[in-house]
Amino acid sequence: IISTCPNHPNEIECTNYGFLSGTSMSAPFVSGLASLIIATNPALTHRQIKKAIQKTAEQIPGTGVLYQYGRIDALKAITRVRN
C-alpha cells in the first residue's frame, strides 16, 4: 500500500512516499469497511461484521499463507449485509 513516509532518513528506509505492508497499513481499510457495514446494517453484532468481511474477502496469491483471508471486497461485504 502506498503511504506517506518521513522526509528524513529513518529505520524503515522510506522517505516521502513508499510501498509498505502489514497490519499498520491494512487496519485503516478494514476499520473503514467495518464502519460502512455498520452504516448499512446497524443491527449487526461485531461477530457478524467480522464474518461478513472474512467471507467476502477475495482470495489472492498468498491467501492462507501470507494472508489469512485475502483482500477485502467492500462491495461484496456491504451487499451481503443489506437487510
C-alpha atoms as a PDB file:
ATOM      1  CA  ILE A   1       0.000   0.000   0.000  1.00  0.00           C
ATOM      2  CA  ILE A   2       1.475   3.343  -0.937  1.00  0.00           C
ATOM      3  CA  SER A   3       1.896   5.517   2.117  1.00  0.00           C
ATOM      4  CA  THR A   4       3.442   8.729   3.290  1.00  0.00           C
ATOM      5  CA  CYS A   5       6.810   8.410   4.992  1.00  0.00           C
ATOM      6  CA  PRO A   6       9.070  10.767   6.917  1.00  0.00           C
ATOM      7  CA  ASN A   7      11.052  13.214   4.789  1.00  0.00           C
ATOM      8  CA  HIS A   8      14.322  12.276   6.510  1.00  0.00           C
ATOM      9  CA  PRO A   9      16.374   9.062   6.693  1.00  0.00           C
ATOM     10  CA  ASN A  10      14.710   6.556   9.009  1.00  0.00           C
ATOM     11  CA  GLU A  11      14.774   2.913  10.070  1.00  0.00           C
ATOM     12  CA  ILE A  12      12.111   1.779   7.594  1.00  0.00           C
ATOM     13  CA  GLU A  13      14.164   3.165   4.709  1.00  0.00           C
ATOM     14  CA  CYS A  14      11.211   5.017   3.259  1.00  0.00           C
ATOM     15  CA  THR A  15      11.199   8.739   2.558  1.00  0.00           C
ATOM     16  CA  ASN A  16       8.323  10.915   1.338  1.00  0.00           C
ATOM     17  CA  TYR A  17       6.208   8.122  -0.216  1.00  0.00           C
ATOM     18  CA  GLY A  18       6.734   4.380  -0.369  1.00  0.00           C
ATOM     19  CA  PHE A  19       5.118   0.970  -0.513  1.00  0.00           C
ATOM     20  CA  LEU A  20       4.546  -0.537   2.906  1.00  0.00           C
ATOM     21  CA  SER A  21       2.702  -3.627   4.135  1.00  0.00           C
ATOM     22  CA  GLY A  22       1.457  -5.201   7.332  1.00  0.00           C
ATOM     23  CA  THR A  23      -1.310  -4.664   9.819  1.00  0.00           C
ATOM     24  CA  SER A  24      -0.487  -0.974  10.204  1.00  0.00           C
ATOM     25  CA  MET A  25      -1.326  -0.479   6.549  1.00  0.00           C
ATOM     26  CA  SER A  26      -4.387  -2.742   6.406  1.00  0.00           C
ATOM     27  CA  ALA A  27      -6.100  -1.756   9.669  1.00  0.00           C
ATOM     28  CA  PRO A  28      -7.498   1.550   8.327  1.00  0.00           C
ATOM     29  CA  PHE A  29      -9.069  -0.224   5.345  1.00  0.00           C
ATOM     30  CA  VAL A  30     -10.658  -2.957   7.468  1.00  0.00           C
ATOM     31  CA  SER A  31     -11.860  -0.407  10.031  1.00  0.00           C
ATOM     32  CA  GLY A  32     -13.347   1.715   7.268  1.00  0.00           C
ATOM     33  CA  LEU A  33     -15.148  -1.288   5.799  1.00  0.00           C
ATOM     34  CA  ALA A  34     -16.490  -2.215   9.240  1.00  0.00           C
ATOM     35  CA  SER A  35     -17.858   1.320   9.535  1.00  0.00           C
ATOM     36  CA  LEU A  36     -19.548   1.063   6.132  1.00  0.00           C
ATOM     37  CA  ILE A  37     -21.090  -2.246   7.174  1.00  0.00           C
ATOM     38  CA  ILE A  38     -22.421  -0.724  10.415  1.00  0.00           C
ATOM     39  CA  ALA A  39     -23.867   2.194   8.449  1.00  0.00           C
ATOM     40  CA  THR A  40     -25.574  -0.279   6.114  1.00  0.00           C
ATOM     41  CA  ASN A  41     -26.965  -2.508   8.851  1.00  0.00           C
ATOM     42  CA  PRO A  42     -26.609  -1.100  12.402  1.00  0.00           C
ATOM     43  CA  ALA A  43     -28.294  -4.141  13.952  1.00  0.00           C
ATOM     44  CA  LEU A  44     -25.313  -6.414  13.245  1.00  0.00           C
ATOM     45  CA  THR A  45     -23.098  -7.683  16.051  1.00  0.00           C
ATOM     46  CA  HIS A  46     -19.324  -7.387  15.907  1.00  0.00           C
ATOM     47  CA  ARG A  47     -19.137 -11.114  15.140  1.00  0.00           C
ATOM     48  CA  GLN A  48     -21.484 -10.723  12.170  1.00  0.00           C
ATOM     49  CA  ILE A  49     -19.438  -7.795  10.862  1.00  0.00           C
ATOM     50  CA  LYS A  50     -16.216  -9.776  11.180  1.00  0.00           C
ATOM     51  CA  LYS A  51     -17.782 -12.769   9.421  1.00  0.00           C
ATOM     52  CA  ALA A  52     -19.056 -10.586   6.553  1.00  0.00           C
ATOM     53  CA  ILE A  53     -15.577  -9.162   5.994  1.00  0.00           C
ATOM     54  CA  GLN A  54     -13.930 -12.580   6.153  1.00  0.00           C
ATOM     55  CA  LYS A  55     -16.476 -14.424   3.976  1.00  0.00           C
ATOM     56  CA  THR A  56     -16.386 -11.833   1.197  1.00  0.00           C
ATOM     57  CA  ALA A  57     -12.601 -11.406   1.033  1.00  0.00           C
ATOM     58  CA  GLU A  58     -11.106 -12.147  -2.372  1.00  0.00           C
ATOM     59  CA  GLN A  59      -8.531 -14.906  -2.361  1.00  0.00           C
ATOM     60  CA  ILE A  60      -5.314 -13.672  -3.939  1.00  0.00           C
ATOM     61  CA  PRO A  61      -1.893 -15.279  -4.313  1.00  0.00           C
ATOM     62  CA  GLY A  62      -0.606 -15.832  -0.781  1.00  0.00           C
ATOM     63  CA  THR A  63      -4.030 -16.292   0.811  1.00  0.00           C
ATOM     64  CA  GLY A  64      -3.791 -18.858   3.583  1.00  0.00           C
ATOM     65  CA  VAL A  65      -0.008 -18.440   3.735  1.00  0.00           C
ATOM     66  CA  LEU A  66       0.829 -14.742   3.790  1.00  0.00           C
ATOM     67  CA  TYR A  67      -2.729 -13.532   4.385  1.00  0.00           C
ATOM     68  CA  GLN A  68      -5.400 -15.395   6.269  1.00  0.00           C
ATOM     69  CA  TYR A  69      -8.455 -14.343   4.244  1.00  0.00           C
ATOM     70  CA  GLY A  70      -7.196 -12.355   1.261  1.00  0.00           C
ATOM     71  CA  ARG A  71      -8.089  -8.873   0.047  1.00  0.00           C
ATOM     72  CA  ILE A  72     -11.226  -7.207   1.414  1.00  0.00           C
ATOM     73  CA  ASP A  73     -14.057  -6.574  -1.032  1.00  0.00           C
ATOM     74  CA  ALA A  74     -16.168  -3.684   0.214  1.00  0.00           C
ATOM     75  CA  LEU A  75     -18.947  -4.064  -2.342  1.00  0.00           C
ATOM     76  CA  LYS A  76     -19.426  -7.767  -1.638  1.00  0.00           C
ATOM     77  CA  ALA A  77     -19.344  -7.224   2.119  1.00  0.00           C
ATOM     78  CA  ILE A  78     -21.888  -4.400   2.043  1.00  0.00           C
ATOM     79  CA  THR A  79     -24.125  -6.305  -0.355  1.00  0.00           C
ATOM     80  CA  ARG A  80     -24.017  -9.335   1.946  1.00  0.00           C
ATOM     81  CA  VAL A  81     -25.273  -7.377   4.976  1.00  0.00           C
ATOM     82  CA  ARG A  82     -28.069  -5.393   3.382  1.00  0.00           C
ATOM     83  CA  ASN A  83     -31.448  -6.006   5.024  1.00  0.00           C
END
